[in-house]
Amino acid sequence: RPQNTVAIDEDKAQTMLKMLDVLDESDDVQRVSANFEISDDVMARLTA
């Protein structure tokens, strides 16, 4: 778990989630870490 996190807005959150999906699908990637936070409101809008 990161000690310092960065809150990101809706546009950046959407981009980061897409990137994480792409990385997750890659067989060459073994582990992904991130230090951003997405607020519950933003996450609700993105997953609606």
N, C-alpha and C. Protein backbone atom coordinates (compact mmCIF):
# COMPACT_ATOMS: atom_id res chain seq x y z
N ARG A 1 0.82 -1.18 0.00
CA ARG A 1 0.00 0.00 0.00
C ARG A 1 0.87 1.24 0.00
N PRO A 2 0.57 2.22 -0.87
CA PRO A 2 1.38 3.44 -0.90
C PRO A 2 1.15 4.29 0.34
N GLN A 3 2.20 4.97 0.77
CA GLN A 3 2.08 5.87 1.91
C GLN A 3 1.48 7.20 1.49
N ASN A 4 1.74 7.62 0.27
CA ASN A 4 1.21 8.88 -0.25
C ASN A 4 0.35 8.59 -1.46
N THR A 5 -0.86 9.14 -1.46
CA THR A 5 -1.75 8.94 -2.59
C THR A 5 -2.13 10.27 -3.21
N VAL A 6 -2.60 10.20 -4.44
CA VAL A 6 -2.99 11.38 -5.19
C VAL A 6 -4.44 11.20 -5.63
N ALA A 7 -5.28 12.16 -5.31
CA ALA A 7 -6.66 12.13 -5.78
C ALA A 7 -6.69 12.56 -7.24
N ILE A 8 -7.45 11.83 -8.06
CA ILE A 8 -7.53 12.18 -9.47
C ILE A 8 -8.98 12.47 -9.85
N ASP A 9 -9.13 13.30 -10.88
CA ASP A 9 -10.47 13.69 -11.32
C ASP A 9 -11.06 12.60 -12.22
N GLU A 10 -12.28 12.84 -12.67
CA GLU A 10 -13.02 11.83 -13.43
C GLU A 10 -12.33 11.47 -14.75
N ASP A 11 -11.83 12.46 -15.47
CA ASP A 11 -11.16 12.19 -16.75
C ASP A 11 -9.92 11.33 -16.55
N LYS A 12 -9.10 11.69 -15.60
CA LYS A 12 -7.88 10.92 -15.34
C LYS A 12 -8.23 9.53 -14.79
N ALA A 13 -9.27 9.45 -13.98
CA ALA A 13 -9.68 8.16 -13.43
C ALA A 13 -10.10 7.22 -14.55
N GLN A 14 -10.85 7.73 -15.50
CA GLN A 14 -11.29 6.90 -16.63
C GLN A 14 -10.08 6.40 -17.42
N THR A 15 -9.12 7.28 -17.66
CA THR A 15 -7.90 6.90 -18.38
C THR A 15 -7.11 5.86 -17.60
N MET A 16 -6.96 6.07 -16.31
CA MET A 16 -6.17 5.14 -15.50
C MET A 16 -6.84 3.76 -15.42
N LEU A 17 -8.15 3.73 -15.30
CA LEU A 17 -8.85 2.45 -15.24
C LEU A 17 -8.71 1.68 -16.55
N LYS A 18 -8.77 2.39 -17.67
CA LYS A 18 -8.55 1.75 -18.97
C LYS A 18 -7.14 1.19 -19.06
N MET A 19 -6.16 1.98 -18.61
CA MET A 19 -4.78 1.52 -18.66
C MET A 19 -4.57 0.29 -17.77
N LEU A 20 -5.17 0.30 -16.59
CA LEU A 20 -5.04 -0.85 -15.70
C LEU A 20 -5.66 -2.10 -16.31
N ASP A 21 -6.78 -1.94 -17.02
CA ASP A 21 -7.39 -3.08 -17.71
C ASP A 21 -6.46 -3.65 -18.77
N VAL A 22 -5.84 -2.77 -19.55
CA VAL A 22 -4.91 -3.21 -20.59
C VAL A 22 -3.72 -3.94 -19.97
N LEU A 23 -3.17 -3.37 -18.91
CA LEU A 23 -2.03 -4.01 -18.25
C LEU A 23 -2.42 -5.35 -17.65
N ASP A 24 -3.62 -5.43 -17.09
CA ASP A 24 -4.09 -6.66 -16.47
C ASP A 24 -4.23 -7.78 -17.51
N GLU A 25 -4.60 -7.43 -18.73
CA GLU A 25 -4.77 -8.42 -19.79
C GLU A 25 -3.45 -8.90 -20.37
N SER A 26 -2.38 -8.18 -20.16
CA SER A 26 -1.08 -8.54 -20.73
C SER A 26 -0.45 -9.69 -19.95
N ASP A 27 -0.04 -10.72 -20.68
CA ASP A 27 0.63 -11.85 -20.04
C ASP A 27 2.02 -11.49 -19.53
N ASP A 28 2.60 -10.43 -20.08
CA ASP A 28 3.95 -10.03 -19.69
C ASP A 28 3.98 -9.26 -18.37
N VAL A 29 2.85 -8.76 -17.93
CA VAL A 29 2.79 -7.96 -16.71
C VAL A 29 2.47 -8.89 -15.54
N GLN A 30 3.32 -8.84 -14.53
CA GLN A 30 3.13 -9.70 -13.36
C GLN A 30 2.44 -8.99 -12.21
N ARG A 31 2.68 -7.69 -12.07
CA ARG A 31 2.11 -6.94 -10.95
C ARG A 31 1.98 -5.48 -11.34
N VAL A 32 0.91 -4.85 -10.90
CA VAL A 32 0.70 -3.43 -11.16
C VAL A 32 0.42 -2.74 -9.83
N SER A 33 1.08 -1.62 -9.61
CA SER A 33 0.86 -0.82 -8.40
C SER A 33 0.45 0.58 -8.82
N ALA A 34 -0.29 1.24 -7.95
CA ALA A 34 -0.72 2.61 -8.24
C ALA A 34 -0.84 3.38 -6.93
N ASN A 35 -0.71 4.69 -7.02
CA ASN A 35 -0.84 5.52 -5.82
C ASN A 35 -1.92 6.58 -5.98
N PHE A 36 -2.92 6.30 -6.81
CA PHE A 36 -4.00 7.28 -6.97
C PHE A 36 -5.24 6.82 -6.22
N GLU A 37 -6.09 7.80 -5.90
CA GLU A 37 -7.37 7.53 -5.25
C GLU A 37 -8.48 8.06 -6.14
N ILE A 38 -9.52 7.28 -6.26
CA ILE A 38 -10.71 7.70 -7.00
C ILE A 38 -11.83 7.81 -5.98
N SER A 39 -12.46 8.96 -5.91
CA SER A 39 -13.53 9.16 -4.93
C SER A 39 -14.70 8.24 -5.25
N ASP A 40 -15.51 7.96 -4.24
CA ASP A 40 -16.67 7.09 -4.42
C ASP A 40 -17.64 7.68 -5.45
N ASP A 41 -17.80 9.01 -5.44
CA ASP A 41 -18.70 9.67 -6.39
C ASP A 41 -18.24 9.46 -7.82
N VAL A 42 -16.95 9.66 -8.05
CA VAL A 42 -16.39 9.49 -9.39
C VAL A 42 -16.50 8.03 -9.81
N MET A 43 -16.19 7.11 -8.93
CA MET A 43 -16.27 5.69 -9.27
C MET A 43 -17.70 5.29 -9.61
N ALA A 44 -18.66 5.83 -8.88
CA ALA A 44 -20.07 5.53 -9.16
C ALA A 44 -20.46 6.03 -10.55
N ARG A 45 -20.01 7.21 -10.92
CA ARG A 45 -20.33 7.74 -12.26
C ARG A 45 -19.67 6.92 -13.35
N LEU A 46 -18.45 6.46 -13.11
CA LEU A 46 -17.74 5.70 -14.13
C LEU A 46 -18.28 4.29 -14.31
N THR A 47 -18.84 3.72 -13.27
CA THR A 47 -19.34 2.35 -13.35
C THR A 47 -20.84 2.29 -13.61
N ALA A 48 -21.47 3.43 -13.75
CA ALA A 48 -22.93 3.46 -14.00
C ALA A 48 -23.25 3.14 -15.44
